[in-house]
Amino acid sequence: MVGGAGGVPRLVAAPGRQGRNDRLFLEALHYFSVHNITWRTLPERFGKWNSVWKRFDRLSKAGVFETFFDHLASLSSSAHLVQMFDSTIVRAHVSAAGAKGGSKVRRPAAPVAVSPPKSI
């Protein structure tokens, strides 16, 4: 992170053209993660999706986010106690997975009236 105007930190990984609005970029990342969307479906109000993704990729490869989260963790004495997990490691009951249960033989509720075949 490099200092910007007025002492506000800027999210810059390398010299060159900088993002116009850091806040808008961070809001785009927040929207992306909360709504669980693909980069291509990022709303236009955040700018071109490809520009947002390129900036995220550049900062990610530069280790900016890792450094930021390490710094946040160092500020807390209990950060090591917090763990994140998602549904990929949580086992659900077999009925929660959509498995069919009950008897294997299914009988119709009422007899179905069969009409004679129609000729062509």
PDB file of N, CA and C in Angstrom:
ATOM      1  N   MET A   1       0.846  -1.165   0.000  1.00  0.00           N
ATOM      2  CA  MET A   1       0.000   0.000   0.000  1.00  0.00           C
ATOM      3  C   MET A   1       0.891   1.227   0.000  1.00  0.00           C
ATOM      4  N   VAL A   2       0.606   2.132  -0.875  1.00  0.00           N
ATOM      5  CA  VAL A   2       1.392   3.342  -1.011  1.00  0.00           C
ATOM      6  C   VAL A   2       0.533   4.518  -0.598  1.00  0.00           C
ATOM      7  N   GLY A   3       1.134   5.484   0.099  1.00  0.00           N
ATOM      8  CA  GLY A   3       0.377   6.645   0.548  1.00  0.00           C
ATOM      9  C   GLY A   3      -0.124   7.464  -0.617  1.00  0.00           C
ATOM     10  N   GLY A   4      -1.326   7.988  -0.500  1.00  0.00           N
ATOM     11  CA  GLY A   4      -1.926   8.819  -1.537  1.00  0.00           C
ATOM     12  C   GLY A   4      -2.060  10.244  -1.038  1.00  0.00           C
ATOM     13  N   ALA A   5      -2.892  11.001  -1.693  1.00  0.00           N
ATOM     14  CA  ALA A   5      -3.109  12.393  -1.329  1.00  0.00           C
ATOM     15  C   ALA A   5      -3.758  12.484   0.045  1.00  0.00           C
ATOM     16  N   GLY A   6      -3.280  13.382   0.868  1.00  0.00           N
ATOM     17  CA  GLY A   6      -3.868  13.604   2.186  1.00  0.00           C
ATOM     18  C   GLY A   6      -3.608  12.479   3.167  1.00  0.00           C
ATOM     19  N   GLY A   7      -2.580  11.652   2.922  1.00  0.00           N
ATOM     20  CA  GLY A   7      -2.256  10.584   3.844  1.00  0.00           C
ATOM     21  C   GLY A   7      -3.170   9.375   3.741  1.00  0.00           C
ATOM     22  N   VAL A   8      -4.076   9.369   2.749  1.00  0.00           N
ATOM     23  CA  VAL A   8      -4.987   8.236   2.566  1.00  0.00           C
ATOM     24  C   VAL A   8      -4.240   7.140   1.817  1.00  0.00           C
ATOM     25  N   PRO A   9      -4.198   5.916   2.359  1.00  0.00           N
ATOM     26  CA  PRO A   9      -3.478   4.852   1.661  1.00  0.00           C
ATOM     27  C   PRO A   9      -4.141   4.500   0.339  1.00  0.00           C
ATOM     28  N   ARG A  10      -3.304   4.240  -0.655  1.00  0.00           N
ATOM     29  CA  ARG A  10      -3.802   3.850  -1.973  1.00  0.00           C
ATOM     30  C   ARG A  10      -3.448   2.399  -2.221  1.00  0.00           C
ATOM     31  N   LEU A  11      -4.312   1.694  -2.930  1.00  0.00           N
ATOM     32  CA  LEU A  11      -4.067   0.293  -3.264  1.00  0.00           C
ATOM     33  C   LEU A  11      -3.364   0.226  -4.609  1.00  0.00           C
ATOM     34  N   VAL A  12      -2.050   0.368  -4.598  1.00  0.00           N
ATOM     35  CA  VAL A  12      -1.275   0.378  -5.828  1.00  0.00           C
ATOM     36  C   VAL A  12      -0.183  -0.675  -5.725  1.00  0.00           C
ATOM     37  N   ALA A  13      -0.084  -1.537  -6.730  1.00  0.00           N
ATOM     38  CA  ALA A  13       0.918  -2.589  -6.702  1.00  0.00           C
ATOM     39  C   ALA A  13       2.151  -2.232  -7.520  1.00  0.00           C
ATOM     40  N   ALA A  14       1.967  -1.482  -8.584  1.00  0.00           N
ATOM     41  CA  ALA A  14       3.081  -1.168  -9.465  1.00  0.00           C
ATOM     42  C   ALA A  14       2.844   0.213 -10.075  1.00  0.00           C
ATOM     43  N   PRO A  15       3.917   0.892 -10.504  1.00  0.00           N
ATOM     44  CA  PRO A  15       3.720   2.190 -11.150  1.00  0.00           C
ATOM     45  C   PRO A  15       2.984   2.014 -12.475  1.00  0.00           C
ATOM     46  N   GLY A  16       2.375   3.065 -12.918  1.00  0.00           N
ATOM     47  CA  GLY A  16       1.602   3.015 -14.155  1.00  0.00           C
ATOM     48  C   GLY A  16       0.267   3.675 -13.909  1.00  0.00           C
ATOM     49  N   ARG A  17      -0.666   3.384 -14.770  1.00  0.00           N
ATOM     50  CA  ARG A  17      -1.995   3.979 -14.605  1.00  0.00           C
ATOM     51  C   ARG A  17      -2.656   3.417 -13.355  1.00  0.00           C
ATOM     52  N   GLN A  18      -3.132   4.300 -12.514  1.00  0.00           N
ATOM     53  CA  GLN A  18      -3.743   3.888 -11.264  1.00  0.00           C
ATOM     54  C   GLN A  18      -5.256   3.894 -11.406  1.00  0.00           C
ATOM     55  N   GLY A  19      -5.903   3.091 -10.558  1.00  0.00           N
ATOM     56  CA  GLY A  19      -7.353   3.082 -10.542  1.00  0.00           C
ATOM     57  C   GLY A  19      -7.879   4.454 -10.172  1.00  0.00           C
ATOM     58  N   ARG A  20      -8.981   4.827 -10.753  1.00  0.00           N
ATOM     59  CA  ARG A  20      -9.520   6.159 -10.518  1.00  0.00           C
ATOM     60  C   ARG A  20     -10.105   6.311  -9.121  1.00  0.00           C
ATOM     61  N   ASN A  21     -10.722   5.255  -8.621  1.00  0.00           N
ATOM     62  CA  ASN A  21     -11.459   5.398  -7.374  1.00  0.00           C
ATOM     63  C   ASN A  21     -11.269   4.139  -6.531  1.00  0.00           C
ATOM     64  N   ASP A  22     -10.471   4.259  -5.488  1.00  0.00           N
ATOM     65  CA  ASP A  22     -10.212   3.103  -4.623  1.00  0.00           C
ATOM     66  C   ASP A  22     -11.477   2.628  -3.926  1.00  0.00           C
ATOM     67  N   ARG A  23     -12.304   3.566  -3.489  1.00  0.00           N
ATOM     68  CA  ARG A  23     -13.524   3.183  -2.783  1.00  0.00           C
ATOM     69  C   ARG A  23     -14.446   2.386  -3.697  1.00  0.00           C
ATOM     70  N   LEU A  24     -14.594   2.821  -4.936  1.00  0.00           N
ATOM     71  CA  LEU A  24     -15.437   2.105  -5.891  1.00  0.00           C
ATOM     72  C   LEU A  24     -14.876   0.705  -6.154  1.00  0.00           C
ATOM     73  N   PHE A  25     -13.557   0.607  -6.217  1.00  0.00           N
ATOM     74  CA  PHE A  25     -12.917  -0.698  -6.411  1.00  0.00           C
ATOM     75  C   PHE A  25     -13.218  -1.625  -5.232  1.00  0.00           C
ATOM     76  N   LEU A  26     -13.085  -1.114  -4.015  1.00  0.00           N
ATOM     77  CA  LEU A  26     -13.375  -1.934  -2.834  1.00  0.00           C
ATOM     78  C   LEU A  26     -14.852  -2.304  -2.754  1.00  0.00           C
ATOM     79  N   GLU A  27     -15.727  -1.394  -3.166  1.00  0.00           N
ATOM     80  CA  GLU A  27     -17.157  -1.711  -3.199  1.00  0.00           C
ATOM     81  C   GLU A  27     -17.438  -2.790  -4.243  1.00  0.00           C
ATOM     82  N   ALA A  28     -16.725  -2.763  -5.355  1.00  0.00           N
ATOM     83  CA  ALA A  28     -16.886  -3.799  -6.381  1.00  0.00           C
ATOM     84  C   ALA A  28     -16.455  -5.157  -5.834  1.00  0.00           C
ATOM     85  N   LEU A  29     -15.344  -5.197  -5.089  1.00  0.00           N
ATOM     86  CA  LEU A  29     -14.901  -6.452  -4.480  1.00  0.00           C
ATOM     87  C   LEU A  29     -15.920  -6.956  -3.475  1.00  0.00           C
ATOM     88  N   HIS A  30     -16.469  -6.046  -2.701  1.00  0.00           N
ATOM     89  CA  HIS A  30     -17.492  -6.423  -1.723  1.00  0.00           C
ATOM     90  C   HIS A  30     -18.724  -6.976  -2.429  1.00  0.00           C
ATOM     91  N   TYR A  31     -19.192  -6.297  -3.459  1.00  0.00           N
ATOM     92  CA  TYR A  31     -20.364  -6.746  -4.216  1.00  0.00           C
ATOM     93  C   TYR A  31     -20.094  -8.125  -4.819  1.00  0.00           C
ATOM     94  N   PHE A  32     -18.898  -8.281  -5.391  1.00  0.00           N
ATOM     95  CA  PHE A  32     -18.512  -9.544  -6.022  1.00  0.00           C
ATOM     96  C   PHE A  32     -18.563 -10.700  -5.029  1.00  0.00           C
ATOM     97  N   SER A  33     -18.052 -10.472  -3.832  1.00  0.00           N
ATOM     98  CA  SER A  33     -17.994 -11.557  -2.859  1.00  0.00           C
ATOM     99  C   SER A  33     -19.337 -11.818  -2.183  1.00  0.00           C
ATOM    100  N   VAL A  34     -20.109 -10.775  -1.913  1.00  0.00           N
ATOM    101  CA  VAL A  34     -21.395 -10.951  -1.235  1.00  0.00           C
ATOM    102  C   VAL A  34     -22.422 -11.601  -2.146  1.00  0.00           C
ATOM    103  N   HIS A  35     -22.447 -11.192  -3.403  1.00  0.00           N
ATOM    104  CA  HIS A  35     -23.463 -11.694  -4.329  1.00  0.00           C
ATOM    105  C   HIS A  35     -23.042 -12.960  -5.070  1.00  0.00           C
ATOM    106  N   ASN A  36     -21.815 -13.404  -4.835  1.00  0.00           N
ATOM    107  CA  ASN A  36     -21.329 -14.653  -5.425  1.00  0.00           C
ATOM    108  C   ASN A  36     -21.571 -14.699  -6.932  1.00  0.00           C
ATOM    109  N   ILE A  37     -21.023 -13.719  -7.636  1.00  0.00           N
ATOM    110  CA  ILE A  37     -21.222 -13.611  -9.077  1.00  0.00           C
ATOM    111  C   ILE A  37     -19.898 -13.838  -9.795  1.00  0.00           C
ATOM    112  N   THR A  38     -19.952 -13.903 -11.106  1.00  0.00           N
ATOM    113  CA  THR A  38     -18.726 -13.968 -11.908  1.00  0.00           C
ATOM    114  C   THR A  38     -18.278 -12.538 -12.198  1.00  0.00           C
ATOM    115  N   TRP A  39     -17.022 -12.374 -12.560  1.00  0.00           N
ATOM    116  CA  TRP A  39     -16.514 -11.036 -12.860  1.00  0.00           C
ATOM    117  C   TRP A  39     -17.303 -10.390 -13.985  1.00  0.00           C
ATOM    118  N   ARG A  40     -17.669 -11.181 -14.990  1.00  0.00           N
ATOM    119  CA  ARG A  40     -18.372 -10.633 -16.155  1.00  0.00           C
ATOM    120  C   ARG A  40     -19.746 -10.065 -15.825  1.00  0.00           C
ATOM    121  N   THR A  41     -20.343 -10.513 -14.723  1.00  0.00           N
ATOM    122  CA  THR A  41     -21.677 -10.029 -14.366  1.00  0.00           C
ATOM    123  C   THR A  41     -21.628  -8.895 -13.341  1.00  0.00           C
ATOM    124  N   LEU A  42     -20.447  -8.337 -13.118  1.00  0.00           N
ATOM    125  CA  LEU A  42     -20.313  -7.194 -12.217  1.00  0.00           C
ATOM    126  C   LEU A  42     -21.051  -6.006 -12.837  1.00  0.00           C
ATOM    127  N   PRO A  43     -21.933  -5.339 -12.078  1.00  0.00           N
ATOM    128  CA  PRO A  43     -22.693  -4.218 -12.641  1.00  0.00           C
ATOM    129  C   PRO A  43     -21.800  -3.105 -13.170  1.00  0.00           C
ATOM    130  N   GLU A  44     -22.280  -2.429 -14.194  1.00  0.00           N
ATOM    131  CA  GLU A  44     -21.527  -1.360 -14.861  1.00  0.00           C
ATOM    132  C   GLU A  44     -21.180  -0.200 -13.933  1.00  0.00           C
ATOM    133  N   ARG A  45     -21.941  -0.005 -12.858  1.00  0.00           N
ATOM    134  CA  ARG A  45     -21.667   1.132 -11.974  1.00  0.00           C
ATOM    135  C   ARG A  45     -20.293   1.041 -11.317  1.00  0.00           C
ATOM    136  N   PHE A  46     -19.686  -0.144 -11.342  1.00  0.00           N
ATOM    137  CA  PHE A  46     -18.353  -0.324 -10.781  1.00  0.00           C
ATOM    138  C   PHE A  46     -17.262  -0.146 -11.834  1.00  0.00           C
ATOM    139  N   GLY A  47     -17.633   0.128 -13.049  1.00  0.00           N
ATOM    140  CA  GLY A  47     -16.673   0.260 -14.138  1.00  0.00           C
ATOM    141  C   GLY A  47     -16.629  -1.023 -14.956  1.00  0.00           C
ATOM    142  N   LYS A  48     -15.682  -1.084 -15.859  1.00  0.00           N
ATOM    143  CA  LYS A  48     -15.548  -2.274 -16.704  1.00  0.00           C
ATOM    144  C   LYS A  48     -15.103  -3.450 -15.841  1.00  0.00           C
ATOM    145  N   TRP A  49     -15.791  -4.567 -15.988  1.00  0.00           N
ATOM    146  CA  TRP A  49     -15.480  -5.735 -15.156  1.00  0.00           C
ATOM    147  C   TRP A  49     -14.045  -6.169 -15.350  1.00  0.00           C
ATOM    148  N   ASN A  50     -13.535  -6.071 -16.569  1.00  0.00           N
ATOM    149  CA  ASN A  50     -12.179  -6.536 -16.852  1.00  0.00           C
ATOM    150  C   ASN A  50     -11.142  -5.651 -16.153  1.00  0.00           C
ATOM    151  N   SER A  51     -11.417  -4.369 -16.073  1.00  0.00           N
ATOM    152  CA  SER A  51     -10.505  -3.460 -15.367  1.00  0.00           C
ATOM    153  C   SER A  51     -10.479  -3.763 -13.877  1.00  0.00           C
ATOM    154  N   VAL A  52     -11.651  -4.046 -13.313  1.00  0.00           N
ATOM    155  CA  VAL A  52     -11.729  -4.389 -11.891  1.00  0.00           C
ATOM    156  C   VAL A  52     -10.975  -5.684 -11.633  1.00  0.00           C
ATOM    157  N   TRP A  53     -11.197  -6.669 -12.513  1.00  0.00           N
ATOM    158  CA  TRP A  53     -10.517  -7.955 -12.337  1.00  0.00           C
ATOM    159  C   TRP A  53      -9.012  -7.808 -12.484  1.00  0.00           C
ATOM    160  N   LYS A  54      -8.553  -7.059 -13.479  1.00  0.00           N
ATOM    161  CA  LYS A  54      -7.105  -6.882 -13.672  1.00  0.00           C
ATOM    162  C   LYS A  54      -6.467  -6.232 -12.448  1.00  0.00           C
ATOM    163  N   ARG A  55      -7.147  -5.239 -11.889  1.00  0.00           N
ATOM    164  CA  ARG A  55      -6.610  -4.578 -10.702  1.00  0.00           C
ATOM    165  C   ARG A  55      -6.574  -5.544  -9.518  1.00  0.00           C
ATOM    166  N   PHE A  56      -7.649  -6.314  -9.336  1.00  0.00           N
ATOM    167  CA  PHE A  56      -7.688  -7.307  -8.266  1.00  0.00           C
ATOM    168  C   PHE A  56      -6.566  -8.331  -8.455  1.00  0.00           C
ATOM    169  N   ASP A  57      -6.385  -8.816  -9.676  1.00  0.00           N
ATOM    170  CA  ASP A  57      -5.358  -9.815  -9.962  1.00  0.00           C
ATOM    171  C   ASP A  57      -3.961  -9.265  -9.703  1.00  0.00           C
ATOM    172  N   ARG A  58      -3.730  -8.037 -10.141  1.00  0.00           N
ATOM    173  CA  ARG A  58      -2.417  -7.406  -9.945  1.00  0.00           C
ATOM    174  C   ARG A  58      -2.111  -7.246  -8.452  1.00  0.00           C
ATOM    175  N   LEU A  59      -3.090  -6.750  -7.688  1.00  0.00           N
ATOM    176  CA  LEU A  59      -2.880  -6.558  -6.257  1.00  0.00           C
ATOM    177  C   LEU A  59      -2.728  -7.892  -5.530  1.00  0.00           C
ATOM    178  N   SER A  60      -3.472  -8.876  -5.989  1.00  0.00           N
ATOM    179  CA  SER A  60      -3.412 -10.209  -5.390  1.00  0.00           C
ATOM    180  C   SER A  60      -2.019 -10.821  -5.578  1.00  0.00           C
ATOM    181  N   LYS A  61      -1.511 -10.737  -6.796  1.00  0.00           N
ATOM    182  CA  LYS A  61      -0.186 -11.295  -7.090  1.00  0.00           C
ATOM    183  C   LYS A  61       0.922 -10.538  -6.362  1.00  0.00           C
ATOM    184  N   ALA A  62       0.686  -9.257  -6.091  1.00  0.00           N
ATOM    185  CA  ALA A  62       1.683  -8.455  -5.376  1.00  0.00           C
ATOM    186  C   ALA A  62       1.649  -8.711  -3.872  1.00  0.00           C
ATOM    187  N   GLY A  63       0.645  -9.441  -3.393  1.00  0.00           N
ATOM    188  CA  GLY A  63       0.567  -9.780  -1.979  1.00  0.00           C
ATOM    189  C   GLY A  63      -0.055  -8.704  -1.107  1.00  0.00           C
ATOM    190  N   VAL A  64      -0.733  -7.738  -1.734  1.00  0.00           N
ATOM    191  CA  VAL A  64      -1.317  -6.630  -0.979  1.00  0.00           C
ATOM    192  C   VAL A  64      -2.380  -7.132  -0.006  1.00  0.00           C
ATOM    193  N   PHE A  65      -3.271  -8.011  -0.464  1.00  0.00           N
ATOM    194  CA  PHE A  65      -4.354  -8.484   0.391  1.00  0.00           C
ATOM    195  C   PHE A  65      -3.829  -9.350   1.534  1.00  0.00           C
ATOM    196  N   GLU A  66      -2.843 -10.176   1.232  1.00  0.00           N
ATOM    197  CA  GLU A  66      -2.254 -11.020   2.275  1.00  0.00           C
ATOM    198  C   GLU A  66      -1.604 -10.159   3.357  1.00  0.00           C
ATOM    199  N   THR A  67      -0.871  -9.138   2.936  1.00  0.00           N
ATOM    200  CA  THR A  67      -0.243  -8.228   3.882  1.00  0.00           C
ATOM    201  C   THR A  67      -1.296  -7.496   4.716  1.00  0.00           C
ATOM    202  N   PHE A  68      -2.356  -7.067   4.052  1.00  0.00           N
ATOM    203  CA  PHE A  68      -3.433  -6.364   4.746  1.00  0.00           C
ATOM    204  C   PHE A  68      -4.077  -7.246   5.806  1.00  0.00           C
ATOM    205  N   PHE A  69      -4.409  -8.487   5.454  1.00  0.00           N
ATOM    206  CA  PHE A  69      -5.054  -9.384   6.414  1.00  0.00           C
ATOM    207  C   PHE A  69      -4.094  -9.822   7.524  1.00  0.00           C
ATOM    208  N   ASP A  70      -2.814  -9.978   7.202  1.00  0.00           N
ATOM    209  CA  ASP A  70      -1.832 -10.278   8.242  1.00  0.00           C
ATOM    210  C   ASP A  70      -1.740  -9.126   9.249  1.00  0.00           C
ATOM    211  N   HIS A  71      -1.762  -7.911   8.726  1.00  0.00           N
ATOM    212  CA  HIS A  71      -1.721  -6.740   9.607  1.00  0.00           C
ATOM    213  C   HIS A  71      -2.965  -6.684  10.495  1.00  0.00           C
ATOM    214  N   LEU A  72      -4.140  -6.938   9.908  1.00  0.00           N
ATOM    215  CA  LEU A  72      -5.365  -6.954  10.709  1.00  0.00           C
ATOM    216  C   LEU A  72      -5.298  -8.022  11.800  1.00  0.00           C
ATOM    217  N   ALA A  73      -4.780  -9.197  11.447  1.00  0.00           N
ATOM    218  CA  ALA A  73      -4.677 -10.279  12.425  1.00  0.00           C
ATOM    219  C   ALA A  73      -3.713  -9.918  13.552  1.00  0.00           C
ATOM    220  N   SER A  74      -2.666  -9.169  13.233  1.00  0.00           N
ATOM    221  CA  SER A  74      -1.692  -8.803  14.266  1.00  0.00           C
ATOM    222  C   SER A  74      -2.265  -7.789  15.260  1.00  0.00           C
ATOM    223  N   LEU A  75      -3.322  -7.100  14.887  1.00  0.00           N
ATOM    224  CA  LEU A  75      -3.935  -6.113  15.770  1.00  0.00           C
ATOM    225  C   LEU A  75      -4.816  -6.746  16.840  1.00  0.00           C
ATOM    226  N   SER A  76      -5.154  -8.019  16.644  1.00  0.00           N
ATOM    227  CA  SER A  76      -6.059  -8.688  17.573  1.00  0.00           C
ATOM    228  C   SER A  76      -5.339  -9.805  18.301  1.00  0.00           C
ATOM    229  N   SER A  77      -5.576  -9.896  19.599  1.00  0.00           N
ATOM    230  CA  SER A  77      -4.956 -10.973  20.365  1.00  0.00           C
ATOM    231  C   SER A  77      -5.718 -12.285  20.224  1.00  0.00           C
ATOM    232  N   SER A  78      -6.942 -12.222  19.692  1.00  0.00           N
ATOM    233  CA  SER A  78      -7.741 -13.443  19.556  1.00  0.00           C
ATOM    234  C   SER A  78      -7.999 -13.827  18.101  1.00  0.00           C
ATOM    235  N   ALA A  79      -7.271 -13.226  17.158  1.00  0.00           N
ATOM    236  CA  ALA A  79      -7.510 -13.510  15.746  1.00  0.00           C
ATOM    237  C   ALA A  79      -7.262 -14.976  15.407  1.00  0.00           C
ATOM    238  N   HIS A  80      -6.325 -15.611  16.103  1.00  0.00           N
ATOM    239  CA  HIS A  80      -6.022 -17.016  15.816  1.00  0.00           C
ATOM    240  C   HIS A  80      -7.171 -17.942  16.238  1.00  0.00           C
ATOM    241  N   LEU A  81      -8.105 -17.433  17.045  1.00  0.00           N
ATOM    242  CA  LEU A  81      -9.238 -18.244  17.490  1.00  0.00           C
ATOM    243  C   LEU A  81     -10.384 -18.254  16.482  1.00  0.00           C
ATOM    244  N   VAL A  82     -10.372 -17.308  15.549  1.00  0.00           N
ATOM    245  CA  VAL A  82     -11.441 -17.202  14.566  1.00  0.00           C
ATOM    246  C   VAL A  82     -11.086 -18.051  13.354  1.00  0.00           C
ATOM    247  N   GLN A  83     -11.997 -18.907  12.979  1.00  0.00           N
ATOM    248  CA  GLN A  83     -11.776 -19.746  11.799  1.00  0.00           C
ATOM    249  C   GLN A  83     -12.957 -19.613  10.872  1.00  0.00           C
ATOM    250  N   MET A  84     -12.683 -19.641   9.595  1.00  0.00           N
ATOM    251  CA  MET A  84     -13.735 -19.554   8.591  1.00  0.00           C
ATOM    252  C   MET A  84     -13.898 -20.919   7.940  1.00  0.00           C
ATOM    253  N   PHE A  85     -15.131 -21.276   7.621  1.00  0.00           N
ATOM    254  CA  PHE A  85     -15.386 -22.495   6.881  1.00  0.00           C
ATOM    255  C   PHE A  85     -16.594 -22.275   5.996  1.00  0.00           C
ATOM    256  N   ASP A  86     -16.720 -23.091   4.994  1.00  0.00           N
ATOM    257  CA  ASP A  86     -17.865 -22.975   4.102  1.00  0.00           C
ATOM    258  C   ASP A  86     -18.543 -24.330   3.958  1.00  0.00           C
ATOM    259  N   SER A  87     -19.544 -24.388   3.119  1.00  0.00           N
ATOM    260  CA  SER A  87     -20.362 -25.592   3.018  1.00  0.00           C
ATOM    261  C   SER A  87     -19.619 -26.774   2.397  1.00  0.00           C
ATOM    262  N   THR A  88     -18.440 -26.567   1.830  1.00  0.00           N
ATOM    263  CA  THR A  88     -17.725 -27.689   1.224  1.00  0.00           C
ATOM    264  C   THR A  88     -17.161 -28.631   2.279  1.00  0.00           C
ATOM    265  N   ILE A  89     -17.062 -28.175   3.541  1.00  0.00           N
ATOM    266  CA  ILE A  89     -16.523 -29.052   4.573  1.00  0.00           C
ATOM    267  C   ILE A  89     -17.572 -29.466   5.594  1.00  0.00           C
ATOM    268  N   VAL A  90     -18.800 -29.034   5.403  1.00  0.00           N
ATOM    269  CA  VAL A  90     -19.867 -29.360   6.336  1.00  0.00           C
ATOM    270  C   VAL A  90     -20.707 -30.483   5.739  1.00  0.00           C
ATOM    271  N   ARG A  91     -20.785 -31.593   6.443  1.00  0.00           N
ATOM    272  CA  ARG A  91     -21.592 -32.707   5.952  1.00  0.00           C
ATOM    273  C   ARG A  91     -23.039 -32.514   6.376  1.00  0.00           C
ATOM    274  N   ALA A  92     -23.929 -32.767   5.448  1.00  0.00           N
ATOM    275  CA  ALA A  92     -25.351 -32.647   5.731  1.00  0.00           C
ATOM    276  C   ALA A  92     -25.963 -34.038   5.820  1.00  0.00           C
ATOM    277  N   HIS A  93     -27.108 -34.124   6.430  1.00  0.00           N
ATOM    278  CA  HIS A  93     -27.839 -35.386   6.501  1.00  0.00           C
ATOM    279  C   HIS A  93     -28.231 -35.803   5.088  1.00  0.00           C
ATOM    280  N   VAL A  94     -28.339 -37.085   4.837  1.00  0.00           N
ATOM    281  CA  VAL A  94     -28.618 -37.576   3.489  1.00  0.00           C
ATOM    282  C   VAL A  94     -29.929 -37.004   2.948  1.00  0.00           C
ATOM    283  N   SER A  95     -30.901 -36.754   3.798  1.00  0.00           N
ATOM    284  CA  SER A  95     -32.162 -36.201   3.306  1.00  0.00           C
ATOM    285  C   SER A  95     -32.002 -34.734   2.881  1.00  0.00           C
ATOM    286  N   ALA A  96     -30.976 -34.069   3.366  1.00  0.00           N
ATOM    287  CA  ALA A  96     -30.739 -32.687   2.963  1.00  0.00           C
ATOM    288  C   ALA A  96     -30.122 -32.599   1.581  1.00  0.00           C
ATOM    289  N   ALA A  97     -29.606 -33.698   1.086  1.00  0.00           N
ATOM    290  CA  ALA A  97     -28.956 -33.701  -0.215  1.00  0.00           C
ATOM    291  C   ALA A  97     -29.926 -34.012  -1.345  1.00  0.00           C
ATOM    292  N   GLY A  98     -31.199 -34.182  -1.046  1.00  0.00           N
ATOM    293  CA  GLY A  98     -32.174 -34.433  -2.092  1.00  0.00           C
ATOM    294  C   GLY A  98     -32.374 -35.894  -2.414  1.00  0.00           C
ATOM    295  N   ALA A  99     -31.851 -36.786  -1.577  1.00  0.00           N
ATOM    296  CA  ALA A  99     -32.026 -38.214  -1.818  1.00  0.00           C
ATOM    297  C   ALA A  99     -33.487 -38.582  -1.605  1.00  0.00           C
ATOM    298  N   LYS A 100     -33.965 -39.471  -2.445  1.00  0.00           N
ATOM    299  CA  LYS A 100     -35.355 -39.901  -2.321  1.00  0.00           C
ATOM    300  C   LYS A 100     -35.459 -40.952  -1.235  1.00  0.00           C
ATOM    301  N   GLY A 101     -36.475 -40.838  -0.444  1.00  0.00           N
ATOM    302  CA  GLY A 101     -36.676 -41.808   0.631  1.00  0.00           C
ATOM    303  C   GLY A 101     -38.040 -42.454   0.492  1.00  0.00           C
ATOM    304  N   GLY A 102     -38.411 -43.210   1.470  1.00  0.00           N
ATOM    305  CA  GLY A 102     -39.717 -43.846   1.447  1.00  0.00           C
ATOM    306  C   GLY A 102     -39.671 -45.178   0.717  1.00  0.00           C
ATOM    307  N   SER A 103     -40.863 -45.717   0.436  1.00  0.00           N
ATOM    308  CA  SER A 103     -40.927 -47.023  -0.226  1.00  0.00           C
ATOM    309  C   SER A 103     -40.477 -46.910  -1.675  1.00  0.00           C
ATOM    310  N   LYS A 104     -39.953 -47.999  -2.170  1.00  0.00           N
ATOM    311  CA  LYS A 104     -39.441 -48.010  -3.546  1.00  0.00           C
ATOM    312  C   LYS A 104     -40.569 -48.141  -4.564  1.00  0.00           C
ATOM    313  N   VAL A 105     -41.697 -48.784  -4.153  1.00  0.00           N
ATOM    314  CA  VAL A 105     -42.814 -48.983  -5.077  1.00  0.00           C
ATOM    315  C   VAL A 105     -43.769 -47.814  -4.918  1.00  0.00           C
ATOM    316  N   ARG A 106     -44.021 -47.148  -5.995  1.00  0.00           N
ATOM    317  CA  ARG A 106     -44.928 -46.002  -5.949  1.00  0.00           C
ATOM    318  C   ARG A 106     -46.244 -46.420  -6.619  1.00  0.00           C
ATOM    319  N   ARG A 107     -47.321 -46.223  -5.920  1.00  0.00           N
ATOM    320  CA  ARG A 107     -48.640 -46.554  -6.475  1.00  0.00           C
ATOM    321  C   ARG A 107     -49.359 -45.251  -6.773  1.00  0.00           C
ATOM    322  N   PRO A 108     -50.107 -45.228  -7.872  1.00  0.00           N
ATOM    323  CA  PRO A 108     -50.859 -44.008  -8.171  1.00  0.00           C
ATOM    324  C   PRO A 108     -51.927 -43.776  -7.108  1.00  0.00           C
ATOM    325  N   ALA A 109     -52.248 -42.544  -6.854  1.00  0.00           N
ATOM    326  CA  ALA A 109     -53.209 -42.185  -5.821  1.00  0.00           C
ATOM    327  C   ALA A 109     -54.620 -42.649  -6.191  1.00  0.00           C
ATOM    328  N   ALA A 110     -54.967 -42.542  -7.447  1.00  0.00           N
ATOM    329  CA  ALA A 110     -56.294 -42.963  -7.910  1.00  0.00           C
ATOM    330  C   ALA A 110     -56.125 -43.690  -9.237  1.00  0.00           C
ATOM    331  N   PRO A 111     -57.026 -44.629  -9.539  1.00  0.00           N
ATOM    332  CA  PRO A 111     -56.924 -45.301 -10.837  1.00  0.00           C
ATOM    333  C   PRO A 111     -57.069 -44.293 -11.970  1.00  0.00           C
ATOM    334  N   VAL A 112     -56.256 -44.444 -12.968  1.00  0.00           N
ATOM    335  CA  VAL A 112     -56.258 -43.544 -14.117  1.00  0.00           C
ATOM    336  C   VAL A 112     -57.159 -44.135 -15.182  1.00  0.00           C
ATOM    337  N   ALA A 113     -58.097 -43.350 -15.683  1.00  0.00           N
ATOM    338  CA  ALA A 113     -58.959 -43.821 -16.756  1.00  0.00           C
ATOM    339  C   ALA A 113     -58.168 -43.850 -18.031  1.00  0.00           C
ATOM    340  N   VAL A 114     -58.182 -45.000 -18.698  1.00  0.00           N
ATOM    341  CA  VAL A 114     -57.423 -45.163 -19.912  1.00  0.00           C
ATOM    342  C   VAL A 114     -58.377 -45.015 -21.089  1.00  0.00           C
ATOM    343  N   SER A 115     -58.062 -44.114 -22.000  1.00  0.00           N
ATOM    344  CA  SER A 115     -58.908 -43.945 -23.192  1.00  0.00           C
ATOM    345  C   SER A 115     -58.352 -44.822 -24.303  1.00  0.00           C
ATOM    346  N   PRO A 116     -59.245 -45.271 -25.188  1.00  0.00           N
ATOM    347  CA  PRO A 116     -58.777 -46.119 -26.280  1.00  0.00           C
ATOM    348  C   PRO A 116     -57.856 -45.323 -27.209  1.00  0.00           C
ATOM    349  N   PRO A 117     -56.885 -45.991 -27.847  1.00  0.00           N
ATOM    350  CA  PRO A 117     -55.970 -45.297 -28.749  1.00  0.00           C
ATOM    351  C   PRO A 117     -56.741 -44.686 -29.920  1.00  0.00           C
ATOM    352  N   LYS A 118     -56.328 -43.528 -30.314  1.00  0.00           N
ATOM    353  CA  LYS A 118     -56.963 -42.831 -31.456  1.00  0.00           C
ATOM    354  C   LYS A 118     -56.210 -43.197 -32.715  1.00  0.00           C
ATOM    355  N   SER A 119     -56.963 -43.408 -33.786  1.00  0.00           N
ATOM    356  CA  SER A 119     -56.323 -43.732 -35.059  1.00  0.00           C
ATOM    357  C   SER A 119     -55.931 -42.453 -35.776  1.00  0.00           C
ATOM    358  N   ILE A 120     -54.993 -42.565 -36.636  1.00  0.00           N
ATOM    359  CA  ILE A 120     -54.488 -41.392 -37.330  1.00  0.00           C
ATOM    360  C   ILE A 120     -55.240 -41.163 -38.610  1.00  0.00           C
TER     361      ILE A 120
END
